[in-house]
Amino acid sequence: MHSDLEYKADMTTKRAFFRWATLALTSVVLLGGGVARAEDEAPDALIKRLSVDVLDTIKADKALRAGDMVKLVALVDDRIMPNVNFLRMTSSAVGPAWRQATPEQQKRLQEEFKILLVRTYAGALSQVSTQTISLKPLRASPEDKEVLVRTEIKGGGDPIQLDYRMEKTPGQGAGWKIYNLNVLGVWLVETYKSQFAQEINSKGLDGLIVTLSDRNKANSKKG
């Protein structure tokens, strides 16, 4: 039995998954807009600001432009991940088993899942080219706590729709955070949830943690 999370997926599914994962991060990087940092920043304005910040950083750094994976991973971890509700994303991906996980298991799952996503996003940054991204009008009321931010990638074929689910978080670090994203009709969390469920059913939560850890170690050796 293979230890890889996608051991039951064929190569076509794998290529499609990594393609839309790359496009998702690319959309964050290439969006245009202002750089205001108001505490009451609107969710679509956050996506714009984040994109300009990351893209300007890459343009100003030769190593980042050349695809330095160590620096790209650090950039994603520093600039993008603080804008993600990672606890919600991880618990949703793990599914019902999350409630049975010990605090230590939950901690390890978040750590390994974060490494997996950060390296996926860093790989996407290394492939940014000439695509352009536009925001669609935000359909939300001022009192809404969860919204859908819709974007569109143009260039290299038919336009590609990308959607971001975001929630407004209270307290310290309050503001809008991403907790799921959709590319070509496929939601990131649901995709991982299906893969994780296979591992949990066959090996348990500890088995999932080991699989994630092994996969991250293998990916780190690739550069």
Protein backbone atom coordinates (compact mmCIF):
# COMPACT_ATOMS: atom_id res chain seq x y z
CA MET A 1 0.00 0.00 0.00
CA HIS A 2 1.40 3.44 -0.97
CA SER A 3 1.92 6.00 1.77
CA ASP A 4 1.24 9.02 -0.46
CA LEU A 5 -2.05 10.80 0.24
CA GLU A 6 -3.08 10.44 -3.38
CA TYR A 7 -2.39 6.77 -3.70
CA LYS A 8 -5.86 6.07 -5.10
CA ALA A 9 -5.84 8.97 -7.56
CA ASP A 10 -4.76 8.51 -11.16
CA MET A 11 -2.18 10.80 -12.77
CA THR A 12 -4.80 12.91 -14.52
CA THR A 13 -6.41 13.78 -11.20
CA LYS A 14 -3.04 14.59 -9.68
CA ARG A 15 -2.09 16.93 -12.51
CA ALA A 16 -5.46 18.66 -12.35
CA PHE A 17 -5.22 19.13 -8.59
CA PHE A 18 -1.76 20.68 -8.65
CA ARG A 19 -2.74 22.85 -11.60
CA TRP A 20 -5.63 24.47 -9.75
CA ALA A 21 -3.61 24.72 -6.53
CA THR A 22 -1.01 26.67 -8.49
CA LEU A 23 -3.66 28.88 -10.06
CA ALA A 24 -5.17 29.61 -6.66
CA LEU A 25 -1.96 30.99 -5.26
CA THR A 26 -1.18 32.80 -8.52
CA SER A 27 -4.46 34.65 -8.22
CA VAL A 28 -3.46 35.94 -4.78
CA VAL A 29 -0.13 37.15 -6.16
CA LEU A 30 -1.31 38.89 -9.33
CA LEU A 31 -4.38 40.85 -8.26
CA GLY A 32 -4.07 44.61 -8.57
CA GLY A 33 -5.14 47.37 -6.18
CA GLY A 34 -4.23 49.70 -3.31
CA VAL A 35 -2.27 49.01 -0.17
CA ALA A 36 -4.41 50.52 2.59
CA ARG A 37 -4.20 48.67 5.92
CA ALA A 38 -7.32 49.85 7.73
CA GLU A 39 -8.56 47.65 10.57
CA ASP A 40 -11.97 47.57 8.91
CA GLU A 41 -10.45 46.57 5.59
CA ALA A 42 -12.99 44.94 3.29
CA PRO A 43 -12.33 41.32 2.28
CA ASP A 44 -11.83 42.11 -1.40
CA ALA A 45 -9.48 44.97 -0.46
CA LEU A 46 -7.46 42.52 1.63
CA ILE A 47 -6.98 40.24 -1.37
CA LYS A 48 -5.81 43.25 -3.42
CA ARG A 49 -3.38 44.49 -0.76
CA LEU A 50 -1.92 41.06 -0.12
CA SER A 51 -1.36 40.54 -3.82
CA VAL A 52 0.48 43.82 -4.37
CA ASP A 53 2.63 43.29 -1.29
CA VAL A 54 3.77 39.82 -2.34
CA LEU A 55 4.28 40.68 -6.00
CA ASP A 56 6.32 43.82 -5.19
CA THR A 57 8.49 41.77 -2.83
CA ILE A 58 9.22 39.22 -5.55
CA LYS A 59 10.01 41.93 -8.11
CA ALA A 60 12.53 43.52 -5.73
CA ASP A 61 14.38 40.30 -4.88
CA LYS A 62 16.51 38.53 -7.47
CA ALA A 63 16.57 35.26 -5.53
CA LEU A 64 12.77 35.18 -5.32
CA ARG A 65 12.46 35.86 -9.05
CA ALA A 66 14.87 32.98 -9.68
CA GLY A 67 12.67 30.59 -7.69
CA ASP A 68 14.69 30.27 -4.47
CA MET A 69 12.41 27.82 -2.64
CA VAL A 70 13.73 28.59 0.85
CA LYS A 71 13.02 32.29 0.43
CA LEU A 72 9.68 31.64 -1.29
CA VAL A 73 8.55 29.41 1.58
CA ALA A 74 9.55 32.11 4.06
CA LEU A 75 7.65 34.73 2.04
CA VAL A 76 4.47 32.66 1.96
CA ASP A 77 4.75 31.88 5.67
CA ASP A 78 5.29 35.54 6.55
CA ARG A 79 2.90 37.33 4.20
CA ILE A 80 0.12 34.91 3.23
CA MET A 81 -0.44 32.47 6.08
CA PRO A 82 -1.29 35.18 8.68
CA ASN A 83 -4.31 35.92 6.48
CA VAL A 84 -5.57 32.33 6.65
CA ASN A 85 -7.75 30.85 9.41
CA PHE A 86 -5.53 27.81 9.56
CA LEU A 87 -7.19 26.15 12.54
CA ARG A 88 -10.53 26.15 10.73
CA MET A 89 -8.95 24.95 7.49
CA THR A 90 -7.14 22.06 9.20
CA SER A 91 -10.07 20.92 11.34
CA SER A 92 -12.38 21.01 8.32
CA ALA A 93 -9.92 19.02 6.21
CA VAL A 94 -9.48 16.38 8.92
CA GLY A 95 -13.26 16.15 9.35
CA PRO A 96 -15.08 14.38 12.23
CA ALA A 97 -11.87 12.75 13.44
CA TRP A 98 -10.62 16.17 14.53
CA ARG A 99 -12.91 16.08 17.57
CA GLN A 100 -11.34 12.79 18.70
CA ALA A 101 -7.77 14.04 18.23
CA THR A 102 -5.68 14.81 21.28
CA PRO A 103 -4.25 18.34 21.66
CA GLU A 104 -0.85 16.99 20.60
CA GLN A 105 -2.33 15.33 17.50
CA GLN A 106 -4.15 18.53 16.58
CA LYS A 107 -0.91 20.47 16.98
CA ARG A 108 1.02 18.05 14.75
CA LEU A 109 -1.72 18.00 12.12
CA GLN A 110 -1.70 21.78 11.90
CA GLU A 111 2.09 21.87 11.70
CA GLU A 112 2.37 19.27 8.93
CA PHE A 113 -0.62 20.56 6.95
CA LYS A 114 0.80 24.07 7.08
CA ILE A 115 4.15 22.89 5.73
CA LEU A 116 2.34 21.07 2.92
CA LEU A 117 0.32 24.14 1.92
CA VAL A 118 3.20 26.60 2.28
CA ARG A 119 5.40 24.58 -0.05
CA THR A 120 2.54 24.17 -2.52
CA TYR A 121 1.99 27.93 -2.52
CA ALA A 122 5.72 28.65 -2.80
CA GLY A 123 5.88 26.36 -5.81
CA ALA A 124 3.03 28.32 -7.37
CA LEU A 125 4.86 31.60 -6.78
CA SER A 126 7.86 30.27 -8.67
CA GLN A 127 5.61 29.81 -11.72
CA VAL A 128 4.05 33.28 -11.85
CA SER A 129 4.19 34.58 -15.42
CA THR A 130 1.98 36.96 -17.40
CA GLN A 131 -1.54 36.11 -16.26
CA THR A 132 -3.80 38.93 -15.15
CA ILE A 133 -6.43 38.73 -12.43
CA SER A 134 -9.55 40.78 -11.87
CA LEU A 135 -11.97 41.01 -8.96
CA LYS A 136 -15.68 40.57 -9.47
CA PRO A 137 -18.14 42.81 -7.56
CA LEU A 138 -18.46 41.74 -3.94
CA ARG A 139 -21.98 40.63 -3.10
CA ALA A 140 -22.13 41.20 0.64
CA SER A 141 -23.78 43.33 3.30
CA PRO A 142 -21.79 45.33 5.88
CA GLU A 143 -23.03 43.05 8.67
CA ASP A 144 -21.98 39.79 6.96
CA LYS A 145 -19.41 37.71 8.86
CA GLU A 146 -18.67 35.32 5.99
CA VAL A 147 -18.34 36.31 2.34
CA LEU A 148 -17.38 34.92 -1.04
CA VAL A 149 -14.73 36.90 -2.93
CA ARG A 150 -14.76 36.01 -6.61
CA THR A 151 -11.84 36.51 -8.98
CA GLU A 152 -11.01 35.65 -12.57
CA ILE A 153 -7.68 34.68 -14.17
CA LYS A 154 -7.16 35.83 -17.76
CA GLY A 155 -4.44 34.86 -20.18
CA GLY A 156 -3.41 31.59 -21.81
CA GLY A 157 -6.89 30.40 -22.75
CA ASP A 158 -10.41 30.74 -21.41
CA PRO A 159 -10.89 32.81 -18.22
CA ILE A 160 -10.69 30.74 -15.03
CA GLN A 161 -12.95 31.48 -12.08
CA LEU A 162 -11.52 31.40 -8.54
CA ASP A 163 -13.54 31.92 -5.36
CA TYR A 164 -12.32 32.63 -1.83
CA ARG A 165 -14.41 31.93 1.25
CA MET A 166 -13.49 34.43 3.97
CA GLU A 167 -14.65 35.05 7.52
CA LYS A 168 -14.42 38.07 9.79
CA THR A 169 -12.56 37.17 12.97
CA PRO A 170 -13.03 39.08 16.25
CA GLY A 171 -10.59 39.99 19.01
CA GLN A 172 -6.82 40.19 18.68
CA GLY A 173 -5.78 40.00 15.05
CA ALA A 174 -9.33 40.83 14.00
CA GLY A 175 -10.06 41.08 10.31
CA TRP A 176 -10.94 38.96 7.30
CA LYS A 177 -9.24 35.61 6.85
CA ILE A 178 -9.35 33.01 4.08
CA TYR A 179 -10.60 29.58 5.11
CA ASN A 180 -11.24 27.88 1.77
CA LEU A 181 -10.81 28.48 -1.95
CA ASN A 182 -12.35 27.14 -5.10
CA VAL A 183 -10.71 26.65 -8.49
CA LEU A 184 -12.63 25.26 -11.44
CA GLY A 185 -15.44 24.13 -9.14
CA VAL A 186 -13.14 22.28 -6.74
CA TRP A 187 -12.81 23.41 -3.12
CA LEU A 188 -9.36 23.02 -1.52
CA VAL A 189 -10.57 21.85 1.89
CA GLU A 190 -12.97 19.29 0.43
CA THR A 191 -10.20 17.88 -1.77
CA TYR A 192 -7.87 17.36 1.17
CA LYS A 193 -10.75 16.08 3.31
CA SER A 194 -11.29 13.23 0.86
CA GLN A 195 -7.59 12.37 0.81
CA PHE A 196 -7.21 12.61 4.58
CA ALA A 197 -10.27 10.42 5.16
CA GLN A 198 -8.61 7.59 3.21
CA GLU A 199 -5.53 7.78 5.43
CA ILE A 200 -7.53 8.05 8.66
CA ASN A 201 -9.73 5.09 7.75
CA SER A 202 -6.75 2.87 7.01
CA LYS A 203 -4.10 4.13 9.45
CA GLY A 204 -5.77 6.42 11.99
CA LEU A 205 -4.83 9.97 12.92
CA ASP A 206 -1.26 9.04 13.78
CA GLY A 207 -0.96 7.39 10.37
CA LEU A 208 -2.14 10.59 8.69
CA ILE A 209 0.43 12.60 10.64
CA VAL A 210 3.21 10.22 9.58
CA THR A 211 2.09 10.35 5.94
CA LEU A 212 2.04 14.16 5.96
CA SER A 213 5.44 14.27 7.64
CA ASP A 214 6.96 11.83 5.15
CA ARG A 215 5.51 13.73 2.23
CA ASN A 216 6.87 17.05 3.55
CA LYS A 217 10.32 15.54 4.07
CA ALA A 218 10.30 14.20 0.52
CA ASN A 219 9.21 17.57 -0.85
CA SER A 220 11.95 19.39 1.08
CA LYS A 221 14.59 17.24 -0.61
CA LYS A 222 13.33 18.38 -4.01
CA GLY A 223 14.48 21.91 -3.30
